[in-house]
Amino acid sequence: MIAKLYLEDKNHFLQLPGKAFECVRYEQLRANKYRFVRVDTMQYSTSPRFAGELVTARISFDTVTILNEKNELIVQHPRLYGEETKSMDWQPYLTLMARRPTALKYSTFYDQLPDEWKDFFENCTSEEKRNGLQLLAVLLKDQDFHVSVEALKLASQHSHPSVETIKHVYYQLLNGRGIRETISLSINVPATSPPTRGLAHYDQLMKPNSEENDK
């Protein structure tokens, strides 16, 4: 009986819309001199070039997406609730920071770096810092610090790693391959006599054979 009633009701169902309804709202906001916009009582970062500029915030229950005048993505944040009032995404700033790597230690970004990355940059040349910041700009685009920290730990096991080594290990981890252990082969090399210096050993060739002298 219930199945029959359901089929009768089904004939009167309205067709669902072809496009899903987006439960979002849009607000046009002006970034302050620190490149932040305010949504409700929370602040969200934009990008270095947007200080004082108008941007569009696409606000959903779980994300705040910042768009430029062409509705192109600038940055996306998880929407804040509770005690935390500021969301900072450093990825758009890293390329700019790479142009002045010696100023890294005096930036607020440096204070928020994991200890492993602080130690790495402490032992870098200016060029290595530049390359490291450019690498982070790529790595943090789609991932948080977790994988890059693990890659840095593995790459640093034997010595201060190059940026290329960190990058190589990072993509190994990202692709689920881990890091390959170095294979050590045990080879028995025959012992040799210690080398001699000078001409004394040539003198031995010139000595007459003792047996021939006895004859």
Protein backbone atom coordinates (compact mmCIF):
# COMPACT_ATOMS: atom_id res chain seq x y z
CA MET A 1 0.00 0.00 0.00
CA ILE A 2 2.79 2.40 0.97
CA ALA A 3 4.65 1.63 -2.26
CA LYS A 4 1.51 2.37 -4.29
CA LEU A 5 1.02 5.73 -2.55
CA TYR A 6 4.67 6.59 -3.15
CA LEU A 7 4.29 5.96 -6.90
CA GLU A 8 1.21 8.19 -6.99
CA ASP A 9 3.11 10.97 -5.21
CA LYS A 10 6.09 10.51 -7.51
CA ASN A 11 3.99 11.51 -10.51
CA HIS A 12 3.54 14.95 -8.92
CA PHE A 13 7.20 15.53 -8.01
CA LEU A 14 8.74 18.71 -9.36
CA GLN A 15 11.89 18.40 -11.44
CA LEU A 16 15.07 19.24 -9.56
CA PRO A 17 17.04 22.24 -10.86
CA GLY A 18 19.84 21.39 -13.25
CA LYS A 19 22.32 23.57 -11.34
CA ALA A 20 23.03 23.04 -7.65
CA PHE A 21 22.09 25.91 -5.37
CA GLU A 22 25.12 27.57 -3.79
CA CYS A 23 24.46 28.49 -0.20
CA VAL A 24 26.86 31.44 -0.16
CA ARG A 25 26.81 35.20 0.05
CA TYR A 26 29.05 37.71 -1.67
CA GLU A 27 30.42 40.88 -0.12
CA GLN A 28 32.60 43.56 -1.68
CA LEU A 29 35.23 44.57 0.85
CA ARG A 30 38.24 46.86 0.96
CA ALA A 31 41.50 45.44 2.27
CA ASN A 32 43.21 47.50 4.97
CA LYS A 33 46.87 48.60 4.87
CA TYR A 34 47.86 45.20 6.30
CA ARG A 35 46.05 43.46 3.38
CA PHE A 36 43.29 42.03 5.58
CA VAL A 37 39.54 42.14 5.01
CA ARG A 38 36.96 41.81 7.76
CA VAL A 39 34.08 39.36 7.49
CA ASP A 40 31.71 39.72 10.43
CA THR A 41 34.20 40.08 13.31
CA MET A 42 36.97 37.98 11.74
CA GLN A 43 39.95 39.05 9.60
CA TYR A 44 41.26 37.23 6.53
CA SER A 45 44.46 37.94 4.58
CA THR A 46 44.48 38.75 0.87
CA SER A 47 47.76 39.31 -1.01
CA PRO A 48 50.57 41.92 -0.91
CA ARG A 49 49.29 44.00 -3.83
CA PHE A 50 45.75 44.42 -2.47
CA ALA A 51 46.40 46.92 0.33
CA GLY A 52 43.56 49.47 0.12
CA GLU A 53 41.98 47.66 -2.85
CA LEU A 54 38.44 46.34 -3.29
CA VAL A 55 38.01 42.57 -3.36
CA THR A 56 35.04 40.21 -3.31
CA ALA A 57 34.53 37.75 -0.47
CA ARG A 58 32.61 34.57 -1.28
CA ILE A 59 31.34 33.44 2.12
CA SER A 60 30.01 29.97 2.86
CA PHE A 61 29.51 28.15 6.15
CA ASP A 62 33.03 26.66 6.06
CA THR A 63 35.16 28.82 3.73
CA VAL A 64 35.89 32.46 2.90
CA THR A 65 37.20 32.82 -0.64
CA ILE A 66 38.79 36.11 -1.68
CA LEU A 67 38.38 37.06 -5.37
CA ASN A 68 39.82 39.90 -7.44
CA GLU A 69 37.88 42.26 -9.72
CA LYS A 70 37.79 39.55 -12.42
CA ASN A 71 36.38 37.01 -9.92
CA GLU A 72 39.71 35.14 -9.99
CA LEU A 73 40.91 33.36 -6.87
CA ILE A 74 43.34 35.27 -4.65
CA VAL A 75 43.25 33.03 -1.59
CA GLN A 76 40.86 30.74 0.26
CA HIS A 77 40.55 30.45 4.05
CA PRO A 78 38.67 28.10 6.34
CA ARG A 79 35.94 30.19 7.94
CA LEU A 80 36.75 31.15 11.51
CA TYR A 81 34.50 30.57 14.49
CA GLY A 82 35.16 30.91 18.21
CA GLU A 83 38.20 32.51 19.81
CA GLU A 84 40.49 32.66 16.78
CA THR A 85 39.87 35.96 14.99
CA LYS A 86 42.53 36.15 12.25
CA SER A 87 43.40 33.82 9.39
CA MET A 88 46.71 34.36 7.62
CA ASP A 89 47.68 32.54 4.43
CA TRP A 90 51.38 33.19 3.76
CA GLN A 91 51.58 31.49 0.37
CA PRO A 92 50.82 34.64 -1.70
CA TYR A 93 53.52 36.54 0.24
CA LEU A 94 56.37 34.07 -0.19
CA THR A 95 57.31 34.98 -3.76
CA LEU A 96 57.57 38.63 -2.71
CA MET A 97 59.57 37.66 0.38
CA ALA A 98 62.00 35.66 -1.76
CA ARG A 99 63.17 38.93 -3.35
CA ARG A 100 64.50 40.07 0.04
CA PRO A 101 65.58 36.84 1.76
CA THR A 102 67.80 38.59 4.32
CA ALA A 103 64.68 40.25 5.79
CA LEU A 104 63.05 36.87 6.49
CA LYS A 105 64.12 36.73 10.14
CA TYR A 106 62.44 40.06 10.86
CA SER A 107 59.07 39.11 9.36
CA THR A 108 56.03 37.85 11.25
CA PHE A 109 56.10 34.86 8.88
CA TYR A 110 59.41 33.74 10.43
CA ASP A 111 57.80 33.65 13.89
CA GLN A 112 55.13 31.27 12.58
CA LEU A 113 57.56 28.91 10.85
CA PRO A 114 57.96 25.39 12.29
CA ASP A 115 61.24 25.00 14.18
CA GLU A 116 62.63 22.68 11.51
CA TRP A 117 62.32 25.35 8.84
CA LYS A 118 63.75 28.01 11.16
CA ASP A 119 66.84 25.85 11.71
CA PHE A 120 67.15 25.26 7.96
CA PHE A 121 67.02 28.97 7.10
CA GLU A 122 69.47 29.79 9.92
CA ASN A 123 72.11 27.74 8.10
CA CYS A 124 71.33 28.95 4.57
CA THR A 125 73.19 31.37 2.36
CA SER A 126 71.19 34.27 0.93
CA GLU A 127 70.72 32.38 -2.34
CA GLU A 128 69.59 29.23 -0.52
CA LYS A 129 67.05 31.28 1.44
CA ARG A 130 65.70 32.72 -1.79
CA ASN A 131 65.36 29.27 -3.34
CA GLY A 132 63.86 27.86 -0.14
CA LEU A 133 61.19 30.57 0.01
CA GLN A 134 60.35 30.03 -3.64
CA LEU A 135 60.00 26.32 -2.95
CA LEU A 136 57.69 26.96 0.03
CA ALA A 137 55.56 29.24 -2.18
CA VAL A 138 54.90 26.19 -4.36
CA LEU A 139 54.56 23.60 -1.59
CA LEU A 140 52.14 25.64 0.53
CA LYS A 141 49.85 26.36 -2.40
CA ASP A 142 47.95 23.10 -1.98
CA GLN A 143 49.34 21.68 1.29
CA ASP A 144 49.95 22.88 4.83
CA PHE A 145 53.35 22.68 6.55
CA HIS A 146 52.95 19.07 7.66
CA VAL A 147 54.37 17.30 4.57
CA SER A 148 57.09 19.90 3.97
CA VAL A 149 58.31 19.55 7.58
CA GLU A 150 58.47 15.76 7.23
CA ALA A 151 60.35 16.13 3.93
CA LEU A 152 62.82 18.52 5.55
CA LYS A 153 63.44 16.13 8.46
CA LEU A 154 64.19 13.23 6.11
CA ALA A 155 66.37 15.33 3.82
CA SER A 156 68.37 16.62 6.82
CA GLN A 157 69.30 13.23 8.27
CA HIS A 158 72.92 13.35 7.14
CA SER A 159 73.72 17.00 6.51
CA HIS A 160 72.30 20.41 5.63
CA PRO A 161 70.12 19.59 2.59
CA SER A 162 69.89 21.43 -0.69
CA VAL A 163 66.54 22.87 -1.77
CA GLU A 164 66.42 20.32 -4.61
CA THR A 165 66.83 17.47 -2.13
CA ILE A 166 63.94 18.75 0.00
CA LYS A 167 61.79 19.11 -3.11
CA HIS A 168 62.66 15.57 -4.25
CA VAL A 169 61.80 14.02 -0.87
CA TYR A 170 58.61 16.10 -0.61
CA TYR A 171 57.21 14.74 -3.87
CA GLN A 172 58.21 11.21 -2.91
CA LEU A 173 56.18 11.57 0.28
CA LEU A 174 53.29 13.19 -1.56
CA ASN A 175 53.15 10.30 -4.02
CA GLY A 176 53.24 7.75 -1.23
CA ARG A 177 56.68 6.39 -2.04
CA GLY A 178 58.49 7.49 1.09
CA ILE A 179 62.24 7.85 0.87
CA ARG A 180 64.54 5.13 -0.35
CA GLU A 181 67.23 3.92 2.01
CA THR A 182 70.82 4.01 0.78
CA ILE A 183 72.09 0.49 0.05
CA SER A 184 75.48 -0.24 1.55
CA LEU A 185 77.45 -3.10 0.02
CA SER A 186 79.97 -5.06 2.03
CA ILE A 187 83.09 -5.51 -0.16
CA ASN A 188 86.21 -7.31 1.06
CA VAL A 189 89.23 -5.49 -0.29
CA PRO A 190 92.50 -7.43 0.02
CA ALA A 191 95.04 -5.85 2.33
CA THR A 192 98.01 -4.20 0.64
CA SER A 193 101.43 -3.29 1.93
CA PRO A 194 101.80 0.28 3.15
CA PRO A 195 103.33 2.53 0.49
CA THR A 196 107.03 3.43 0.81
CA ARG A 197 108.59 6.70 -0.09
CA GLY A 198 112.11 7.38 -1.40
CA LEU A 199 114.48 5.16 -3.40
CA ALA A 200 115.48 2.60 -0.74
CA HIS A 201 113.38 -0.13 -2.33
CA TYR A 202 115.33 0.25 -5.59
CA ASP A 203 118.54 -0.46 -3.70
CA GLN A 204 117.17 -3.91 -2.83
CA LEU A 205 117.10 -4.79 -6.54
CA MET A 206 120.81 -3.99 -6.90
CA LYS A 207 122.01 -6.20 -4.03
CA PRO A 208 123.70 -9.46 -5.19
CA ASN A 209 121.91 -12.70 -4.39
CA SER A 210 123.40 -14.15 -1.19
CA GLU A 211 123.22 -17.73 -2.53
CA GLU A 212 125.23 -16.85 -5.66
CA ASN A 213 127.93 -15.23 -3.50
CA ASP A 214 128.27 -18.41 -1.45
CA LYS A 215 129.03 -20.34 -4.63
